[in-house]
Amino acid sequence: MSRRGSLKVYLGYAAGVGKTYRMLEEAQALHARGVDVVIGYFEPHGRQETIAKTQGLEVVPRRRLTYGGAQFEEMDLAAVLARRPAFAVVDEFAHSNIPGTGNEKRWQDVHALLDAGINVLTTMNVQHLESLNDEVWQVTGIRVRETVPDWVVDEADEVVLVDLTPRALRNRIERGVVYAPEKAGRALDNFFAEANLTALREFAIRHTAHEVEDKLFAPHREERILICLTGRPSSANLIRRGKRVADYLHGDCLAVHISPGPVCDQAVQRHISFARNLRIQTHVIEGEDVPSLIAGFARTHKVTQIFMGRSAPRPWWNRFKETVVQQVVRMARDMQITIVAERRR
C-alpha cells in the first residue's frame, strides 16, 4: 500500500493576495530540482504574472462537461490519478464541482489524490472555512456558499499564510491587477471595502496561528463541548460556533437532539447531517423531558460546556414558567452554558 500524500494549503483572506502565485513558485522550485510536478487545475483569472509562472510545467487537460445547456471545465481527476505525479497543483480547494463530475467538492478530489500517494499544493481563502460562515456573513454581508469543513484543513500537513495589507490589495485592484477595470470599482465598494478586508485578514492570521499551535502542542482533550440541536435554522450557527470553540480548546465536540418520537423531522435531520460532516459526534435521544435528558446526557458524557440556542418566546399566560434553557442552567450548575443568539443582518 502506497503512503498517503502530503497536503500543503496556501491560505489567504481574499482574491488577489497572491496565493496561486506563491503556490506556482513552489511548483517551479520543485520542477527545477527534478521533481515530477503537474498542474491538475489552475484558474488564471486573466492575471498575466500568475499565468507566466506556469511556463514549463506540465498541465493535465481539463475535463469538459455540459450542464444546464452550458459548457464547463473541471479537473480531470481520473487523468491526474493515471498520470501519478509526485506533486499535483490544484487551485481553488473550496470549489464545488459541476454535477456529474463525480465528487461534489474539489477537496474530495484532492483527498483522492492524497490517498493515491500524490502530494498536493492547493489554495483557498479563509472565508471558505465552514465554522467562519456566520461571522463572515456578519462582517461582509455576503453568505459564502462554497465551504470546506474545518477538519479538512486541520488535517493538512502545512498551512501557509499568504498575506498582503488591505491597502496594498486595494491598490492592486485599482491598478487592474486582480479584476478587469469595469469590475474593480464595484469590488472596492463592496466585498473589498477596507473594513471587510481588515476583518478577513484577522480571521486568516488567527486561524493560521491556531494551526501552528495545534501542530506544536499535543492536545489534552480536557474540554468536551455539547451542542443542543433543534429544528430551528439557528442550529446551523450553533453547530459552527460550538465546533470552532471545541477546536480552539483542543476538545471533543458532541451534538444531541431530544426527539419526542422515533423519527426526526427533516430540519433536524439536515442539522444532524451537517454536524456529522464537521466530524461532530451526533446523538438522538427519544423522550419528552428535554431539560432533564440534556443535563443527564451531559453529565454521563463528562461535558464541560453546553451550547444552546435561545428558547422560543412563551405566550403571555405562560411567561412565568421556566424555559428549557433556564431549566438546563438550573440542572447543570457544574457546567458552563453558552446561549448563542440568533444572528441577523
C-alpha atoms as a PDB file:
ATOM      1  CA  MET A   1       0.000   0.000   0.000  1.00  0.00           C
ATOM      2  CA  SER A   2       1.430   3.415  -1.008  1.00  0.00           C
ATOM      3  CA  ARG A   3       1.946   6.110   1.587  1.00  0.00           C
ATOM      4  CA  ARG A   4      -0.594   8.914   1.757  1.00  0.00           C
ATOM      5  CA  GLY A   5       0.415  12.117   0.021  1.00  0.00           C
ATOM      6  CA  SER A   6       1.072  15.357   1.888  1.00  0.00           C
ATOM      7  CA  LEU A   7      -1.214  18.383   1.622  1.00  0.00           C
ATOM      8  CA  LYS A   8       0.004  21.993   1.629  1.00  0.00           C
ATOM      9  CA  VAL A   9      -2.603  24.762   1.715  1.00  0.00           C
ATOM     10  CA  TYR A  10      -1.808  28.340   0.720  1.00  0.00           C
ATOM     11  CA  LEU A  11      -4.332  30.346   2.760  1.00  0.00           C
ATOM     12  CA  GLY A  12      -5.316  33.940   2.082  1.00  0.00           C
ATOM     13  CA  TYR A  13      -8.110  36.285   3.113  1.00  0.00           C
ATOM     14  CA  ALA A  14      -9.272  37.480  -0.325  1.00  0.00           C
ATOM     15  CA  ALA A  15      -8.708  37.089  -4.044  1.00  0.00           C
ATOM     16  CA  GLY A  16      -5.578  38.857  -5.237  1.00  0.00           C
ATOM     17  CA  VAL A  17      -3.298  38.439  -2.212  1.00  0.00           C
ATOM     18  CA  GLY A  18      -1.023  36.098  -4.190  1.00  0.00           C
ATOM     19  CA  LYS A  19      -1.925  32.539  -3.109  1.00  0.00           C
ATOM     20  CA  THR A  20      -1.787  30.977  -6.564  1.00  0.00           C
ATOM     21  CA  TYR A  21       1.380  32.868  -7.442  1.00  0.00           C
ATOM     22  CA  ARG A  22       3.142  31.556  -4.317  1.00  0.00           C
ATOM     23  CA  MET A  23       1.893  28.028  -4.975  1.00  0.00           C
ATOM     24  CA  LEU A  24       3.228  28.097  -8.544  1.00  0.00           C
ATOM     25  CA  GLU A  25       6.558  29.488  -7.311  1.00  0.00           C
ATOM     26  CA  GLU A  26       6.931  26.380  -5.152  1.00  0.00           C
ATOM     27  CA  ALA A  27       5.882  24.155  -8.056  1.00  0.00           C
ATOM     28  CA  GLN A  28       8.580  25.765 -10.228  1.00  0.00           C
ATOM     29  CA  ALA A  29      11.192  25.272  -7.484  1.00  0.00           C
ATOM     30  CA  LEU A  30      10.268  21.592  -7.211  1.00  0.00           C
ATOM     31  CA  HIS A  31      10.379  21.218 -11.002  1.00  0.00           C
ATOM     32  CA  ALA A  32      13.849  22.849 -11.094  1.00  0.00           C
ATOM     33  CA  ARG A  33      15.064  20.208  -8.626  1.00  0.00           C
ATOM     34  CA  GLY A  34      13.856  17.429 -10.929  1.00  0.00           C
ATOM     35  CA  VAL A  35      10.664  16.613  -9.000  1.00  0.00           C
ATOM     36  CA  ASP A  36       7.739  15.355 -11.130  1.00  0.00           C
ATOM     37  CA  VAL A  37       5.107  18.132 -10.882  1.00  0.00           C
ATOM     38  CA  VAL A  38       1.924  18.605 -12.896  1.00  0.00           C
ATOM     39  CA  ILE A  39      -0.856  21.186 -12.832  1.00  0.00           C
ATOM     40  CA  GLY A  40      -4.102  19.354 -12.156  1.00  0.00           C
ATOM     41  CA  TYR A  41      -6.160  22.544 -12.135  1.00  0.00           C
ATOM     42  CA  PHE A  42      -5.203  26.211 -12.457  1.00  0.00           C
ATOM     43  CA  GLU A  43      -7.566  29.195 -12.611  1.00  0.00           C
ATOM     44  CA  PRO A  44      -5.738  32.080 -14.345  1.00  0.00           C
ATOM     45  CA  HIS A  45      -8.382  34.838 -13.876  1.00  0.00           C
ATOM     46  CA  GLY A  46      -6.547  36.696 -16.650  1.00  0.00           C
ATOM     47  CA  ARG A  47      -3.607  37.580 -14.378  1.00  0.00           C
ATOM     48  CA  GLN A  48      -0.573  37.608 -16.645  1.00  0.00           C
ATOM     49  CA  GLU A  49       2.085  37.496 -13.916  1.00  0.00           C
ATOM     50  CA  THR A  50       0.474  34.370 -12.441  1.00  0.00           C
ATOM     51  CA  ILE A  51      -0.019  32.737 -15.859  1.00  0.00           C
ATOM     52  CA  ALA A  52       3.702  33.255 -16.556  1.00  0.00           C
ATOM     53  CA  LYS A  53       4.503  31.106 -13.522  1.00  0.00           C
ATOM     54  CA  THR A  54       3.007  28.039 -15.264  1.00  0.00           C
ATOM     55  CA  GLN A  55       5.601  28.104 -18.062  1.00  0.00           C
ATOM     56  CA  GLY A  56       7.472  24.806 -18.341  1.00  0.00           C
ATOM     57  CA  LEU A  57       5.070  22.900 -16.069  1.00  0.00           C
ATOM     58  CA  GLU A  58       3.041  20.007 -17.478  1.00  0.00           C
ATOM     59  CA  VAL A  59      -0.705  20.693 -17.469  1.00  0.00           C
ATOM     60  CA  VAL A  60      -3.207  17.828 -17.326  1.00  0.00           C
ATOM     61  CA  PRO A  61      -6.058  18.746 -19.737  1.00  0.00           C
ATOM     62  CA  ARG A  62      -9.322  19.615 -18.048  1.00  0.00           C
ATOM     63  CA  ARG A  63     -12.485  17.577 -18.329  1.00  0.00           C
ATOM     64  CA  ARG A  64     -15.268  19.295 -20.300  1.00  0.00           C
ATOM     65  CA  LEU A  65     -18.885  18.858 -19.216  1.00  0.00           C
ATOM     66  CA  THR A  66     -22.276  20.186 -20.282  1.00  0.00           C
ATOM     67  CA  TYR A  67     -24.654  21.217 -17.522  1.00  0.00           C
ATOM     68  CA  GLY A  68     -27.836  23.237 -17.878  1.00  0.00           C
ATOM     69  CA  GLY A  69     -27.079  23.850 -21.543  1.00  0.00           C
ATOM     70  CA  ALA A  70     -23.706  25.459 -20.778  1.00  0.00           C
ATOM     71  CA  GLN A  71     -20.135  24.196 -21.096  1.00  0.00           C
ATOM     72  CA  PHE A  72     -17.922  23.844 -18.021  1.00  0.00           C
ATOM     73  CA  GLU A  73     -14.394  22.623 -17.327  1.00  0.00           C
ATOM     74  CA  GLU A  74     -13.317  20.729 -14.206  1.00  0.00           C
ATOM     75  CA  MET A  75     -10.165  18.979 -13.073  1.00  0.00           C
ATOM     76  CA  ASP A  76      -9.892  15.554 -14.700  1.00  0.00           C
ATOM     77  CA  LEU A  77      -9.333  13.528 -11.536  1.00  0.00           C
ATOM     78  CA  ALA A  78      -9.016  10.206 -13.376  1.00  0.00           C
ATOM     79  CA  ALA A  79      -6.349  11.646 -15.696  1.00  0.00           C
ATOM     80  CA  VAL A  80      -4.284  13.050 -12.814  1.00  0.00           C
ATOM     81  CA  LEU A  81      -4.529   9.721 -10.956  1.00  0.00           C
ATOM     82  CA  ALA A  82      -3.454   7.841 -14.085  1.00  0.00           C
ATOM     83  CA  ARG A  83      -0.515  10.240 -14.564  1.00  0.00           C
ATOM     84  CA  ARG A  84       0.629   9.659 -10.930  1.00  0.00           C
ATOM     85  CA  PRO A  85       2.981  12.635 -10.484  1.00  0.00           C
ATOM     86  CA  ALA A  86       4.906  13.210  -7.282  1.00  0.00           C
ATOM     87  CA  PHE A  87       3.136  16.593  -6.862  1.00  0.00           C
ATOM     88  CA  ALA A  88      -0.127  17.955  -8.245  1.00  0.00           C
ATOM     89  CA  VAL A  89      -1.028  21.649  -8.235  1.00  0.00           C
ATOM     90  CA  VAL A  90      -4.772  22.035  -7.607  1.00  0.00           C
ATOM     91  CA  ASP A  91      -6.092  25.591  -7.412  1.00  0.00           C
ATOM     92  CA  GLU A  92      -9.281  26.653  -5.541  1.00  0.00           C
ATOM     93  CA  PHE A  93      -9.637  23.976  -2.862  1.00  0.00           C
ATOM     94  CA  ALA A  94     -13.175  25.086  -1.866  1.00  0.00           C
ATOM     95  CA  HIS A  95     -14.628  24.831  -5.387  1.00  0.00           C
ATOM     96  CA  SER A  96     -17.907  22.933  -5.904  1.00  0.00           C
ATOM     97  CA  ASN A  97     -17.786  20.583  -8.891  1.00  0.00           C
ATOM     98  CA  ILE A  98     -20.406  20.564 -11.618  1.00  0.00           C
ATOM     99  CA  PRO A  99     -22.955  17.742 -11.066  1.00  0.00           C
ATOM    100  CA  GLY A 100     -21.889  14.650 -12.979  1.00  0.00           C
ATOM    101  CA  THR A 101     -18.184  15.149 -12.307  1.00  0.00           C
ATOM    102  CA  GLY A 102     -18.057  12.519  -9.559  1.00  0.00           C
ATOM    103  CA  ASN A 103     -17.173  14.112  -6.240  1.00  0.00           C
ATOM    104  CA  GLU A 104     -19.309  17.026  -5.117  1.00  0.00           C
ATOM    105  CA  LYS A 105     -16.342  19.114  -3.899  1.00  0.00           C
ATOM    106  CA  ARG A 106     -12.808  19.683  -5.159  1.00  0.00           C
ATOM    107  CA  TRP A 107     -11.382  18.997  -1.689  1.00  0.00           C
ATOM    108  CA  GLN A 108     -12.793  15.466  -2.095  1.00  0.00           C
ATOM    109  CA  ASP A 109     -10.888  15.172  -5.395  1.00  0.00           C
ATOM    110  CA  VAL A 110      -7.754  16.284  -3.538  1.00  0.00           C
ATOM    111  CA  HIS A 111      -8.334  13.592  -0.906  1.00  0.00           C
ATOM    112  CA  ALA A 112      -8.484  11.005  -3.698  1.00  0.00           C
ATOM    113  CA  LEU A 113      -5.080  12.223  -4.926  1.00  0.00           C
ATOM    114  CA  LEU A 114      -3.664  12.103  -1.390  1.00  0.00           C
ATOM    115  CA  ASP A 115      -4.993   8.559  -0.905  1.00  0.00           C
ATOM    116  CA  ALA A 116      -3.133   7.573  -4.083  1.00  0.00           C
ATOM    117  CA  GLY A 117       0.129   8.861  -2.602  1.00  0.00           C
ATOM    118  CA  ILE A 118       0.236  12.092  -4.634  1.00  0.00           C
ATOM    119  CA  ASN A 119       1.373  15.238  -2.813  1.00  0.00           C
ATOM    120  CA  VAL A 120      -0.894  18.251  -3.384  1.00  0.00           C
ATOM    121  CA  LEU A 121      -0.364  22.020  -3.341  1.00  0.00           C
ATOM    122  CA  THR A 122      -3.650  23.943  -3.147  1.00  0.00           C
ATOM    123  CA  THR A 123      -5.155  27.367  -2.390  1.00  0.00           C
ATOM    124  CA  MET A 124      -8.156  28.725  -0.502  1.00  0.00           C
ATOM    125  CA  ASN A 125      -9.410  31.843   1.270  1.00  0.00           C
ATOM    126  CA  VAL A 126     -10.246  31.842   4.977  1.00  0.00           C
ATOM    127  CA  GLN A 127     -13.891  32.817   4.366  1.00  0.00           C
ATOM    128  CA  HIS A 128     -14.474  29.339   2.923  1.00  0.00           C
ATOM    129  CA  LEU A 129     -13.925  27.684   6.331  1.00  0.00           C
ATOM    130  CA  GLU A 130     -17.283  26.294   7.395  1.00  0.00           C
ATOM    131  CA  SER A 131     -17.037  27.412  11.043  1.00  0.00           C
ATOM    132  CA  LEU A 132     -16.491  31.049   9.997  1.00  0.00           C
ATOM    133  CA  ASN A 133     -19.515  31.195   7.697  1.00  0.00           C
ATOM    134  CA  ASP A 134     -21.739  33.178  10.067  1.00  0.00           C
ATOM    135  CA  GLU A 135     -19.002  35.575  11.167  1.00  0.00           C
ATOM    136  CA  VAL A 136     -18.027  36.312   7.560  1.00  0.00           C
ATOM    137  CA  TRP A 137     -21.682  36.973   6.732  1.00  0.00           C
ATOM    138  CA  GLN A 138     -21.964  39.374   9.675  1.00  0.00           C
ATOM    139  CA  VAL A 139     -18.832  41.272   8.648  1.00  0.00           C
ATOM    140  CA  THR A 140     -19.287  41.429   4.869  1.00  0.00           C
ATOM    141  CA  GLY A 141     -22.988  40.885   4.274  1.00  0.00           C
ATOM    142  CA  ILE A 142     -22.107  38.057   1.881  1.00  0.00           C
ATOM    143  CA  ARG A 143     -23.079  34.470   2.603  1.00  0.00           C
ATOM    144  CA  VAL A 144     -20.267  32.268   1.270  1.00  0.00           C
ATOM    145  CA  ARG A 145     -21.824  29.211  -0.406  1.00  0.00           C
ATOM    146  CA  GLU A 146     -18.698  27.160  -1.119  1.00  0.00           C
ATOM    147  CA  THR A 147     -17.272  25.945   2.187  1.00  0.00           C
ATOM    148  CA  VAL A 148     -14.728  23.410   3.422  1.00  0.00           C
ATOM    149  CA  PRO A 149     -15.178  21.564   6.747  1.00  0.00           C
ATOM    150  CA  ASP A 150     -12.575  22.736   9.248  1.00  0.00           C
ATOM    151  CA  TRP A 151     -11.271  19.207   9.827  1.00  0.00           C
ATOM    152  CA  VAL A 152     -10.200  19.001   6.167  1.00  0.00           C
ATOM    153  CA  VAL A 153      -7.886  21.990   6.591  1.00  0.00           C
ATOM    154  CA  ASP A 154      -6.818  20.861  10.077  1.00  0.00           C
ATOM    155  CA  GLU A 155      -5.513  17.619   8.553  1.00  0.00           C
ATOM    156  CA  ALA A 156      -3.247  19.491   6.106  1.00  0.00           C
ATOM    157  CA  ASP A 157       0.440  18.853   6.677  1.00  0.00           C
ATOM    158  CA  GLU A 158       1.200  22.551   6.260  1.00  0.00           C
ATOM    159  CA  VAL A 159      -0.847  25.758   6.063  1.00  0.00           C
ATOM    160  CA  VAL A 160       0.998  28.776   4.647  1.00  0.00           C
ATOM    161  CA  LEU A 161      -0.496  32.234   5.202  1.00  0.00           C
ATOM    162  CA  VAL A 162      -0.145  34.400   2.094  1.00  0.00           C
ATOM    163  CA  ASP A 163      -0.514  37.922   3.436  1.00  0.00           C
ATOM    164  CA  LEU A 164      -0.863  41.396   1.997  1.00  0.00           C
ATOM    165  CA  THR A 165      -2.083  44.541   3.759  1.00  0.00           C
ATOM    166  CA  PRO A 166      -5.654  45.579   2.854  1.00  0.00           C
ATOM    167  CA  ARG A 167      -4.352  48.895   1.485  1.00  0.00           C
ATOM    168  CA  ALA A 168      -1.845  47.109  -0.770  1.00  0.00           C
ATOM    169  CA  LEU A 169      -4.565  44.730  -2.015  1.00  0.00           C
ATOM    170  CA  ARG A 170      -6.912  47.620  -2.791  1.00  0.00           C
ATOM    171  CA  ASN A 171      -4.053  49.292  -4.658  1.00  0.00           C
ATOM    172  CA  ARG A 172      -3.597  46.137  -6.761  1.00  0.00           C
ATOM    173  CA  ILE A 173      -7.319  46.135  -7.563  1.00  0.00           C
ATOM    174  CA  GLU A 174      -7.242  49.818  -8.522  1.00  0.00           C
ATOM    175  CA  ARG A 175      -4.343  49.087 -10.919  1.00  0.00           C
ATOM    176  CA  GLY A 176      -6.381  46.340 -12.613  1.00  0.00           C
ATOM    177  CA  VAL A 177      -4.079  43.524 -11.485  1.00  0.00           C
ATOM    178  CA  VAL A 178      -6.847  41.497  -9.810  1.00  0.00           C
ATOM    179  CA  TYR A 179     -10.001  42.339 -11.806  1.00  0.00           C
ATOM    180  CA  ALA A 180     -10.803  43.964 -15.119  1.00  0.00           C
ATOM    181  CA  PRO A 181     -11.298  47.761 -14.768  1.00  0.00           C
ATOM    182  CA  GLU A 182     -15.093  47.544 -15.177  1.00  0.00           C
ATOM    183  CA  LYS A 183     -15.275  45.189 -12.169  1.00  0.00           C
ATOM    184  CA  ALA A 184     -12.641  46.851  -9.986  1.00  0.00           C
ATOM    185  CA  GLY A 185     -14.785  49.797  -8.865  1.00  0.00           C
ATOM    186  CA  ARG A 186     -17.709  47.599  -7.780  1.00  0.00           C
ATOM    187  CA  ALA A 187     -15.345  45.248  -5.949  1.00  0.00           C
ATOM    188  CA  LEU A 188     -13.706  48.098  -4.000  1.00  0.00           C
ATOM    189  CA  ASP A 189     -17.099  49.472  -2.941  1.00  0.00           C
ATOM    190  CA  ASN A 190     -18.477  46.107  -1.834  1.00  0.00           C
ATOM    191  CA  PHE A 191     -16.589  42.990  -0.708  1.00  0.00           C
ATOM    192  CA  PHE A 192     -13.183  44.661  -0.946  1.00  0.00           C
ATOM    193  CA  ALA A 193     -14.051  47.596   1.303  1.00  0.00           C
ATOM    194  CA  GLU A 194     -11.099  48.180   3.646  1.00  0.00           C
ATOM    195  CA  ALA A 195     -13.123  47.328   6.784  1.00  0.00           C
ATOM    196  CA  ASN A 196     -14.120  43.953   5.299  1.00  0.00           C
ATOM    197  CA  LEU A 197     -10.560  43.141   4.272  1.00  0.00           C
ATOM    198  CA  THR A 198      -9.168  44.057   7.690  1.00  0.00           C
ATOM    199  CA  ALA A 199     -11.632  41.717   9.432  1.00  0.00           C
ATOM    200  CA  LEU A 200     -10.994  38.863   6.974  1.00  0.00           C
ATOM    201  CA  ARG A 201      -7.253  39.293   7.332  1.00  0.00           C
ATOM    202  CA  GLU A 202      -7.609  38.988  11.099  1.00  0.00           C
ATOM    203  CA  PHE A 203      -9.578  35.742  10.623  1.00  0.00           C
ATOM    204  CA  ALA A 204      -6.781  34.366   8.422  1.00  0.00           C
ATOM    205  CA  ILE A 205      -3.993  35.342  10.829  1.00  0.00           C
ATOM    206  CA  ARG A 206      -5.836  33.895  13.835  1.00  0.00           C
ATOM    207  CA  HIS A 207      -6.626  30.649  12.030  1.00  0.00           C
ATOM    208  CA  THR A 208      -3.058  30.147  10.830  1.00  0.00           C
ATOM    209  CA  ALA A 209      -1.737  30.819  14.334  1.00  0.00           C
ATOM    210  CA  HIS A 210      -4.171  28.223  15.671  1.00  0.00           C
ATOM    211  CA  GLU A 211      -2.979  25.687  13.070  1.00  0.00           C
ATOM    212  CA  VAL A 212       0.654  26.241  14.117  1.00  0.00           C
ATOM    213  CA  GLU A 213      -0.197  25.935  17.823  1.00  0.00           C
ATOM    214  CA  ASP A 214      -2.226  22.795  17.161  1.00  0.00           C
ATOM    215  CA  LYS A 215       0.747  21.102  15.484  1.00  0.00           C
ATOM    216  CA  LEU A 216       3.314  22.254  18.055  1.00  0.00           C
ATOM    217  CA  PHE A 217       1.419  21.310  21.212  1.00  0.00           C
ATOM    218  CA  ALA A 218      -0.295  17.968  21.764  1.00  0.00           C
ATOM    219  CA  PRO A 219      -3.991  18.483  22.662  1.00  0.00           C
ATOM    220  CA  HIS A 220      -5.126  17.412  26.127  1.00  0.00           C
ATOM    221  CA  ARG A 221      -8.798  16.867  25.206  1.00  0.00           C
ATOM    222  CA  GLU A 222      -9.955  18.025  28.649  1.00  0.00           C
ATOM    223  CA  GLU A 223     -12.829  20.110  27.284  1.00  0.00           C
ATOM    224  CA  ARG A 224     -15.983  18.457  25.953  1.00  0.00           C
ATOM    225  CA  ILE A 225     -18.471  20.676  24.148  1.00  0.00           C
ATOM    226  CA  LEU A 226     -22.127  19.658  23.786  1.00  0.00           C
ATOM    227  CA  ILE A 227     -24.316  21.312  21.139  1.00  0.00           C
ATOM    228  CA  CYS A 228     -28.094  21.039  21.650  1.00  0.00           C
ATOM    229  CA  LEU A 229     -29.797  20.664  18.269  1.00  0.00           C
ATOM    230  CA  THR A 230     -33.343  21.642  17.331  1.00  0.00           C
ATOM    231  CA  GLY A 231     -35.098  22.082  14.012  1.00  0.00           C
ATOM    232  CA  ARG A 232     -34.723  25.862  14.112  1.00  0.00           C
ATOM    233  CA  PRO A 233     -32.486  27.480  11.444  1.00  0.00           C
ATOM    234  CA  SER A 234     -30.240  28.916  14.184  1.00  0.00           C
ATOM    235  CA  SER A 235     -28.950  25.399  14.896  1.00  0.00           C
ATOM    236  CA  ALA A 236     -26.552  25.774  11.941  1.00  0.00           C
ATOM    237  CA  ASN A 237     -24.953  28.808  13.624  1.00  0.00           C
ATOM    238  CA  LEU A 238     -24.878  26.888  16.918  1.00  0.00           C
ATOM    239  CA  ILE A 239     -23.036  23.977  15.267  1.00  0.00           C
ATOM    240  CA  ARG A 240     -20.411  26.253  13.713  1.00  0.00           C
ATOM    241  CA  ARG A 241     -19.847  28.180  16.939  1.00  0.00           C
ATOM    242  CA  GLY A 242     -19.603  25.105  19.148  1.00  0.00           C
ATOM    243  CA  LYS A 243     -17.245  23.284  16.780  1.00  0.00           C
ATOM    244  CA  ARG A 244     -14.970  26.295  16.461  1.00  0.00           C
ATOM    245  CA  VAL A 245     -14.717  26.660  20.249  1.00  0.00           C
ATOM    246  CA  ALA A 246     -14.028  22.917  20.606  1.00  0.00           C
ATOM    247  CA  ASP A 247     -11.260  23.142  18.001  1.00  0.00           C
ATOM    248  CA  TYR A 248      -9.634  26.136  19.705  1.00  0.00           C
ATOM    249  CA  LEU A 249      -9.740  24.375  23.064  1.00  0.00           C
ATOM    250  CA  HIS A 250      -8.486  21.102  21.527  1.00  0.00           C
ATOM    251  CA  GLY A 251     -11.621  19.480  22.933  1.00  0.00           C
ATOM    252  CA  ASP A 252     -14.156  16.895  21.851  1.00  0.00           C
ATOM    253  CA  CYS A 253     -17.418  18.058  20.288  1.00  0.00           C
ATOM    254  CA  LEU A 254     -20.769  16.283  20.612  1.00  0.00           C
ATOM    255  CA  ALA A 255     -24.278  17.166  19.497  1.00  0.00           C
ATOM    256  CA  VAL A 256     -27.592  15.891  20.851  1.00  0.00           C
ATOM    257  CA  HIS A 257     -31.218  16.230  19.786  1.00  0.00           C
ATOM    258  CA  ILE A 258     -34.101  15.294  22.086  1.00  0.00           C
ATOM    259  CA  SER A 259     -36.893  13.886  19.939  1.00  0.00           C
ATOM    260  CA  PRO A 260     -40.467  13.296  21.118  1.00  0.00           C
ATOM    261  CA  GLY A 261     -40.748  10.326  18.734  1.00  0.00           C
ATOM    262  CA  PRO A 262     -38.596   7.785  16.879  1.00  0.00           C
ATOM    263  CA  VAL A 263     -38.407   9.904  13.689  1.00  0.00           C
ATOM    264  CA  CYS A 264     -36.752  13.343  13.477  1.00  0.00           C
ATOM    265  CA  ASP A 265     -38.208  15.983  11.157  1.00  0.00           C
ATOM    266  CA  GLN A 266     -36.333  16.999   8.013  1.00  0.00           C
ATOM    267  CA  ALA A 267     -34.888  20.189   9.503  1.00  0.00           C
ATOM    268  CA  VAL A 268     -33.333  18.251  12.398  1.00  0.00           C
ATOM    269  CA  GLN A 269     -32.004  15.606  10.003  1.00  0.00           C
ATOM    270  CA  ARG A 270     -30.307  18.342   7.952  1.00  0.00           C
ATOM    271  CA  HIS A 271     -28.623  19.724  11.066  1.00  0.00           C
ATOM    272  CA  ILE A 272     -27.514  16.249  12.156  1.00  0.00           C
ATOM    273  CA  SER A 273     -26.059  15.606   8.701  1.00  0.00           C
ATOM    274  CA  PHE A 274     -24.301  18.995   8.792  1.00  0.00           C
ATOM    275  CA  ALA A 275     -22.807  18.220  12.222  1.00  0.00           C
ATOM    276  CA  ARG A 276     -21.583  14.814  11.062  1.00  0.00           C
ATOM    277  CA  ASN A 277     -19.950  16.438   8.035  1.00  0.00           C
ATOM    278  CA  LEU A 278     -17.945  18.547  10.505  1.00  0.00           C
ATOM    279  CA  ARG A 279     -16.967  15.363  12.376  1.00  0.00           C
ATOM    280  CA  ILE A 280     -19.127  16.080  15.398  1.00  0.00           C
ATOM    281  CA  GLN A 281     -20.401  13.033  17.304  1.00  0.00           C
ATOM    282  CA  THR A 282     -24.204  13.151  16.982  1.00  0.00           C
ATOM    283  CA  HIS A 283     -26.812  11.547  19.245  1.00  0.00           C
ATOM    284  CA  VAL A 284     -30.617  11.412  19.172  1.00  0.00           C
ATOM    285  CA  ILE A 285     -32.472  10.641  22.414  1.00  0.00           C
ATOM    286  CA  GLU A 286     -36.179   9.875  22.437  1.00  0.00           C
ATOM    287  CA  GLY A 287     -38.147  11.428  25.268  1.00  0.00           C
ATOM    288  CA  GLU A 288     -40.359  14.279  26.454  1.00  0.00           C
ATOM    289  CA  ASP A 289     -38.399  15.806  29.366  1.00  0.00           C
ATOM    290  CA  VAL A 290     -35.941  17.809  27.270  1.00  0.00           C
ATOM    291  CA  PRO A 291     -34.054  19.648  30.075  1.00  0.00           C
ATOM    292  CA  SER A 292     -33.520  16.516  32.184  1.00  0.00           C
ATOM    293  CA  LEU A 293     -32.374  14.457  29.208  1.00  0.00           C
ATOM    294  CA  ILE A 294     -29.900  17.146  28.101  1.00  0.00           C
ATOM    295  CA  ALA A 295     -28.475  17.540  31.612  1.00  0.00           C
ATOM    296  CA  GLY A 296     -28.290  13.760  32.104  1.00  0.00           C
ATOM    297  CA  PHE A 297     -26.585  13.203  28.766  1.00  0.00           C
ATOM    298  CA  ALA A 298     -24.086  15.969  29.509  1.00  0.00           C
ATOM    299  CA  ARG A 299     -23.211  14.518  32.897  1.00  0.00           C
ATOM    300  CA  THR A 300     -22.897  10.960  31.549  1.00  0.00           C
ATOM    301  CA  HIS A 301     -20.547  12.119  28.800  1.00  0.00           C
ATOM    302  CA  LYS A 302     -18.464  14.362  31.111  1.00  0.00           C
ATOM    303  CA  VAL A 303     -19.383  17.511  29.174  1.00  0.00           C
ATOM    304  CA  THR A 304     -17.740  20.740  30.363  1.00  0.00           C
ATOM    305  CA  GLN A 305     -19.640  23.258  28.201  1.00  0.00           C
ATOM    306  CA  ILE A 306     -23.158  23.222  26.751  1.00  0.00           C
ATOM    307  CA  PHE A 307     -24.100  25.358  23.736  1.00  0.00           C
ATOM    308  CA  MET A 308     -27.810  26.140  23.363  1.00  0.00           C
ATOM    309  CA  GLY A 309     -29.953  28.489  21.317  1.00  0.00           C
ATOM    310  CA  ARG A 310     -32.422  30.838  22.961  1.00  0.00           C
ATOM    311  CA  SER A 311     -35.745  29.303  23.973  1.00  0.00           C
ATOM    312  CA  ALA A 312     -38.726  30.286  21.852  1.00  0.00           C
ATOM    313  CA  PRO A 313     -40.823  33.137  23.352  1.00  0.00           C
ATOM    314  CA  ARG A 314     -43.581  31.906  25.673  1.00  0.00           C
ATOM    315  CA  PRO A 315     -47.224  33.041  25.404  1.00  0.00           C
ATOM    316  CA  TRP A 316     -48.264  35.711  27.946  1.00  0.00           C
ATOM    317  CA  TRP A 317     -50.271  33.270  30.094  1.00  0.00           C
ATOM    318  CA  ASN A 318     -47.215  31.035  30.497  1.00  0.00           C
ATOM    319  CA  ARG A 319     -44.450  33.609  30.741  1.00  0.00           C
ATOM    320  CA  PHE A 320     -43.519  32.889  34.386  1.00  0.00           C
ATOM    321  CA  LYS A 321     -42.785  29.196  33.752  1.00  0.00           C
ATOM    322  CA  GLU A 322     -39.099  28.255  33.328  1.00  0.00           C
ATOM    323  CA  THR A 323     -37.890  27.880  29.742  1.00  0.00           C
ATOM    324  CA  VAL A 324     -35.929  24.827  28.599  1.00  0.00           C
ATOM    325  CA  VAL A 325     -32.719  26.876  28.767  1.00  0.00           C
ATOM    326  CA  GLN A 326     -33.466  28.069  32.319  1.00  0.00           C
ATOM    327  CA  GLN A 327     -34.155  24.503  33.448  1.00  0.00           C
ATOM    328  CA  VAL A 328     -30.906  23.209  31.912  1.00  0.00           C
ATOM    329  CA  VAL A 329     -28.985  26.043  33.627  1.00  0.00           C
ATOM    330  CA  ARG A 330     -30.526  25.010  36.957  1.00  0.00           C
ATOM    331  CA  MET A 331     -29.886  21.262  36.446  1.00  0.00           C
ATOM    332  CA  ALA A 332     -26.306  21.612  35.128  1.00  0.00           C
ATOM    333  CA  ARG A 333     -24.832  24.125  37.558  1.00  0.00           C
ATOM    334  CA  ASP A 334     -21.403  22.472  37.382  1.00  0.00           C
ATOM    335  CA  MET A 335     -21.108  23.133  33.623  1.00  0.00           C
ATOM    336  CA  GLN A 336     -20.557  26.286  31.612  1.00  0.00           C
ATOM    337  CA  ILE A 337     -23.603  27.037  29.469  1.00  0.00           C
ATOM    338  CA  THR A 338     -23.392  29.355  26.464  1.00  0.00           C
ATOM    339  CA  ILE A 339     -26.592  30.775  24.992  1.00  0.00           C
ATOM    340  CA  VAL A 340     -25.908  31.629  21.343  1.00  0.00           C
ATOM    341  CA  ALA A 341     -28.001  34.466  19.959  1.00  0.00           C
ATOM    342  CA  GLU A 342     -29.712  34.192  16.590  1.00  0.00           C
ATOM    343  CA  ARG A 343     -27.685  36.500  14.352  1.00  0.00           C
ATOM    344  CA  ARG A 344     -29.497  38.654  11.830  1.00  0.00           C
ATOM    345  CA  ARG A 345     -28.311  41.356   9.456  1.00  0.00           C
END
